């Protein structure tokens, strides 16, 4: 089997999708113009796809109440410090920074809606 996508029920799928397109480099590959506003976003490889939508009849997770290691999205970064500063100007908030023994640099942020984002500047690809 191949992984197709993961989905998040959120309050503002259109606004969130625009933020991820503008600041995380994702691309809208499909978008519904009416409720529930299903929007599929792909990374530059089109290997990973995230769906955002709004269904008020289902629970919407308050990610700000969850520990950032319970769930997070990780993105490859060529320069984690530069990306951290750029994203914080755009509403992200800082959580923690880890410098691994192998030289990898990991920075954990929250997007403007509280979703944890990890910036991974690794010395070796996974």
C-alpha atoms as a PDB file:
ATOM      1  CA  UNK A   1       0.000   0.000   0.000  1.00  0.00           C
ATOM      2  CA  UNK A   2       1.007   3.598  -0.554  1.00  0.00           C
ATOM      3  CA  UNK A   3       0.275   6.453   1.804  1.00  0.00           C
ATOM      4  CA  UNK A   4      -2.163   8.840   0.068  1.00  0.00           C
ATOM      5  CA  UNK A   5      -2.814  11.686   2.527  1.00  0.00           C
ATOM      6  CA  UNK A   6      -3.583  12.630   6.101  1.00  0.00           C
ATOM      7  CA  UNK A   7      -6.486  14.914   6.956  1.00  0.00           C
ATOM      8  CA  UNK A   8      -7.169  17.529   9.599  1.00  0.00           C
ATOM      9  CA  UNK A   9     -10.554  18.957  10.516  1.00  0.00           C
ATOM     10  CA  UNK A  10      -9.825  22.641  11.199  1.00  0.00           C
ATOM     11  CA  UNK A  11     -11.763  25.874  11.688  1.00  0.00           C
ATOM     12  CA  UNK A  12     -10.240  27.837   8.783  1.00  0.00           C
ATOM     13  CA  UNK A  13      -9.121  25.490   5.996  1.00  0.00           C
ATOM     14  CA  UNK A  14      -8.863  28.198   3.332  1.00  0.00           C
ATOM     15  CA  UNK A  15      -6.787  30.529   5.518  1.00  0.00           C
ATOM     16  CA  UNK A  16      -4.566  27.689   6.734  1.00  0.00           C
ATOM     17  CA  UNK A  17      -4.026  26.392   3.207  1.00  0.00           C
ATOM     18  CA  UNK A  18      -2.912  29.829   2.068  1.00  0.00           C
ATOM     19  CA  UNK A  19      -0.406  30.070   4.929  1.00  0.00           C
ATOM     20  CA  UNK A  20       1.087  26.677   4.091  1.00  0.00           C
ATOM     21  CA  UNK A  21       1.304  27.606   0.405  1.00  0.00           C
ATOM     22  CA  UNK A  22       2.849  31.015   1.095  1.00  0.00           C
ATOM     23  CA  UNK A  23       5.284  30.099   3.846  1.00  0.00           C
ATOM     24  CA  UNK A  24       5.883  26.328   3.782  1.00  0.00           C
ATOM     25  CA  UNK A  25       6.082  25.870   0.018  1.00  0.00           C
ATOM     26  CA  UNK A  26       3.124  23.510  -0.289  1.00  0.00           C
ATOM     27  CA  UNK A  27       0.944  23.473  -3.404  1.00  0.00           C
ATOM     28  CA  UNK A  28      -2.843  23.216  -3.669  1.00  0.00           C
ATOM     29  CA  UNK A  29      -3.542  20.139  -5.792  1.00  0.00           C
ATOM     30  CA  UNK A  30      -7.323  20.085  -5.267  1.00  0.00           C
ATOM     31  CA  UNK A  31      -9.672  22.538  -3.573  1.00  0.00           C
ATOM     32  CA  UNK A  32     -13.407  22.474  -2.968  1.00  0.00           C
ATOM     33  CA  UNK A  33     -14.980  25.954  -3.144  1.00  0.00           C
ATOM     34  CA  UNK A  34     -17.939  25.152  -0.871  1.00  0.00           C
ATOM     35  CA  UNK A  35     -18.276  23.597   2.581  1.00  0.00           C
ATOM     36  CA  UNK A  36     -16.495  21.585   3.886  1.00  0.00           C
ATOM     37  CA  UNK A  37     -13.783  23.313   1.763  1.00  0.00           C
ATOM     38  CA  UNK A  38     -11.672  20.159   1.323  1.00  0.00           C
ATOM     39  CA  UNK A  39      -8.215  21.329   0.284  1.00  0.00           C
ATOM     40  CA  UNK A  40      -5.390  18.967  -0.603  1.00  0.00           C
ATOM     41  CA  UNK A  41      -1.858  20.342  -0.252  1.00  0.00           C
ATOM     42  CA  UNK A  42       1.227  18.549  -1.568  1.00  0.00           C
ATOM     43  CA  UNK A  43       4.886  19.060  -0.840  1.00  0.00           C
ATOM     44  CA  UNK A  44       7.273  19.710  -3.734  1.00  0.00           C
ATOM     45  CA  UNK A  45       7.807  15.972  -4.234  1.00  0.00           C
ATOM     46  CA  UNK A  46       4.021  15.351  -4.369  1.00  0.00           C
ATOM     47  CA  UNK A  47       4.881  12.377  -2.163  1.00  0.00           C
ATOM     48  CA  UNK A  48       3.220  13.801   0.965  1.00  0.00           C
ATOM     49  CA  UNK A  49      -0.299  15.247   0.856  1.00  0.00           C
ATOM     50  CA  UNK A  50      -2.270  16.932   3.626  1.00  0.00           C
ATOM     51  CA  UNK A  51      -6.015  17.539   3.481  1.00  0.00           C
ATOM     52  CA  UNK A  52      -7.600  20.434   5.366  1.00  0.00           C
ATOM     53  CA  UNK A  53     -11.367  20.736   5.723  1.00  0.00           C
ATOM     54  CA  UNK A  54     -14.022  22.069   8.101  1.00  0.00           C
ATOM     55  CA  UNK A  55     -16.725  19.761   9.428  1.00  0.00           C
ATOM     56  CA  UNK A  56     -18.473  21.403  12.401  1.00  0.00           C
ATOM     57  CA  UNK A  57     -20.255  18.117  13.150  1.00  0.00           C
ATOM     58  CA  UNK A  58     -16.906  16.480  14.038  1.00  0.00           C
ATOM     59  CA  UNK A  59     -14.396  17.341  16.747  1.00  0.00           C
ATOM     60  CA  UNK A  60     -11.774  19.940  15.916  1.00  0.00           C
ATOM     61  CA  UNK A  61      -8.540  19.299  17.771  1.00  0.00           C
ATOM     62  CA  UNK A  62      -7.125  22.128  19.843  1.00  0.00           C
ATOM     63  CA  UNK A  63      -3.446  21.518  19.076  1.00  0.00           C
ATOM     64  CA  UNK A  64      -2.401  24.224  21.540  1.00  0.00           C
ATOM     65  CA  UNK A  65      -3.572  21.934  24.356  1.00  0.00           C
ATOM     66  CA  UNK A  66      -1.552  18.965  23.081  1.00  0.00           C
ATOM     67  CA  UNK A  67       2.111  18.355  23.778  1.00  0.00           C
ATOM     68  CA  UNK A  68       4.085  18.977  20.592  1.00  0.00           C
ATOM     69  CA  UNK A  69       5.479  15.450  20.634  1.00  0.00           C
ATOM     70  CA  UNK A  70       1.985  13.928  20.599  1.00  0.00           C
ATOM     71  CA  UNK A  71       1.634  15.055  16.982  1.00  0.00           C
ATOM     72  CA  UNK A  72       3.748  17.243  14.748  1.00  0.00           C
ATOM     73  CA  UNK A  73       4.491  17.792  11.078  1.00  0.00           C
ATOM     74  CA  UNK A  74       8.159  17.721  10.115  1.00  0.00           C
ATOM     75  CA  UNK A  75       9.639  19.587   7.164  1.00  0.00           C
ATOM     76  CA  UNK A  76      13.140  19.356   5.720  1.00  0.00           C
ATOM     77  CA  UNK A  77      14.978  22.645   6.093  1.00  0.00           C
ATOM     78  CA  UNK A  78      18.267  23.651   4.513  1.00  0.00           C
ATOM     79  CA  UNK A  79      18.724  26.271   7.247  1.00  0.00           C
ATOM     80  CA  UNK A  80      16.499  25.715  10.279  1.00  0.00           C
ATOM     81  CA  UNK A  81      17.488  28.967  11.995  1.00  0.00           C
ATOM     82  CA  UNK A  82      16.646  31.112   8.959  1.00  0.00           C
ATOM     83  CA  UNK A  83      13.351  29.260   8.428  1.00  0.00           C
ATOM     84  CA  UNK A  84      12.477  29.602  12.140  1.00  0.00           C
ATOM     85  CA  UNK A  85      12.945  33.375  11.995  1.00  0.00           C
ATOM     86  CA  UNK A  86      11.027  33.683   8.705  1.00  0.00           C
ATOM     87  CA  UNK A  87       8.074  31.644  10.008  1.00  0.00           C
ATOM     88  CA  UNK A  88       7.933  33.460  13.335  1.00  0.00           C
ATOM     89  CA  UNK A  89       7.471  36.750  11.446  1.00  0.00           C
ATOM     90  CA  UNK A  90       4.470  35.059   9.785  1.00  0.00           C
ATOM     91  CA  UNK A  91       2.774  34.043  13.042  1.00  0.00           C
ATOM     92  CA  UNK A  92       4.545  30.829  14.082  1.00  0.00           C
ATOM     93  CA  UNK A  93       5.701  30.519  17.694  1.00  0.00           C
ATOM     94  CA  UNK A  94       8.874  28.919  19.033  1.00  0.00           C
ATOM     95  CA  UNK A  95       8.764  25.782  21.222  1.00  0.00           C
ATOM     96  CA  UNK A  96      12.201  24.192  21.379  1.00  0.00           C
ATOM     97  CA  UNK A  97      15.498  23.664  19.640  1.00  0.00           C
ATOM     98  CA  UNK A  98      17.649  20.520  19.614  1.00  0.00           C
ATOM     99  CA  UNK A  99      21.151  20.117  18.267  1.00  0.00           C
ATOM    100  CA  UNK A 100      21.802  16.392  17.796  1.00  0.00           C
ATOM    101  CA  UNK A 101      25.173  14.705  18.268  1.00  0.00           C
ATOM    102  CA  UNK A 102      25.316  13.920  14.526  1.00  0.00           C
ATOM    103  CA  UNK A 103      25.104  17.657  13.730  1.00  0.00           C
ATOM    104  CA  UNK A 104      21.392  17.700  12.878  1.00  0.00           C
ATOM    105  CA  UNK A 105      19.492  20.833  13.932  1.00  0.00           C
ATOM    106  CA  UNK A 106      15.817  20.406  14.878  1.00  0.00           C
ATOM    107  CA  UNK A 107      13.519  23.306  15.716  1.00  0.00           C
ATOM    108  CA  UNK A 108       9.945  22.899  16.917  1.00  0.00           C
ATOM    109  CA  UNK A 109       7.424  25.669  16.258  1.00  0.00           C
ATOM    110  CA  UNK A 110       3.647  25.989  16.277  1.00  0.00           C
ATOM    111  CA  UNK A 111       1.879  27.375  13.233  1.00  0.00           C
ATOM    112  CA  UNK A 112      -0.579  30.259  13.850  1.00  0.00           C
ATOM    113  CA  UNK A 113      -3.322  27.669  14.653  1.00  0.00           C
ATOM    114  CA  UNK A 114      -1.224  25.734  17.160  1.00  0.00           C
ATOM    115  CA  UNK A 115      -0.167  22.799  14.980  1.00  0.00           C
ATOM    116  CA  UNK A 116       3.388  21.758  15.874  1.00  0.00           C
ATOM    117  CA  UNK A 117       5.887  22.079  13.022  1.00  0.00           C
ATOM    118  CA  UNK A 118       9.369  20.630  13.177  1.00  0.00           C
ATOM    119  CA  UNK A 119      12.103  22.060  10.989  1.00  0.00           C
ATOM    120  CA  UNK A 120      14.649  19.308  10.289  1.00  0.00           C
ATOM    121  CA  UNK A 121      18.092  20.335   9.146  1.00  0.00           C
ATOM    122  CA  UNK A 122      19.683  16.899   9.085  1.00  0.00           C
ATOM    123  CA  UNK A 123      23.213  15.833   8.357  1.00  0.00           C
ATOM    124  CA  UNK A 124      21.930  12.569   6.817  1.00  0.00           C
ATOM    125  CA  UNK A 125      18.680  11.964   4.915  1.00  0.00           C
ATOM    126  CA  UNK A 126      16.210   9.535   6.456  1.00  0.00           C
END
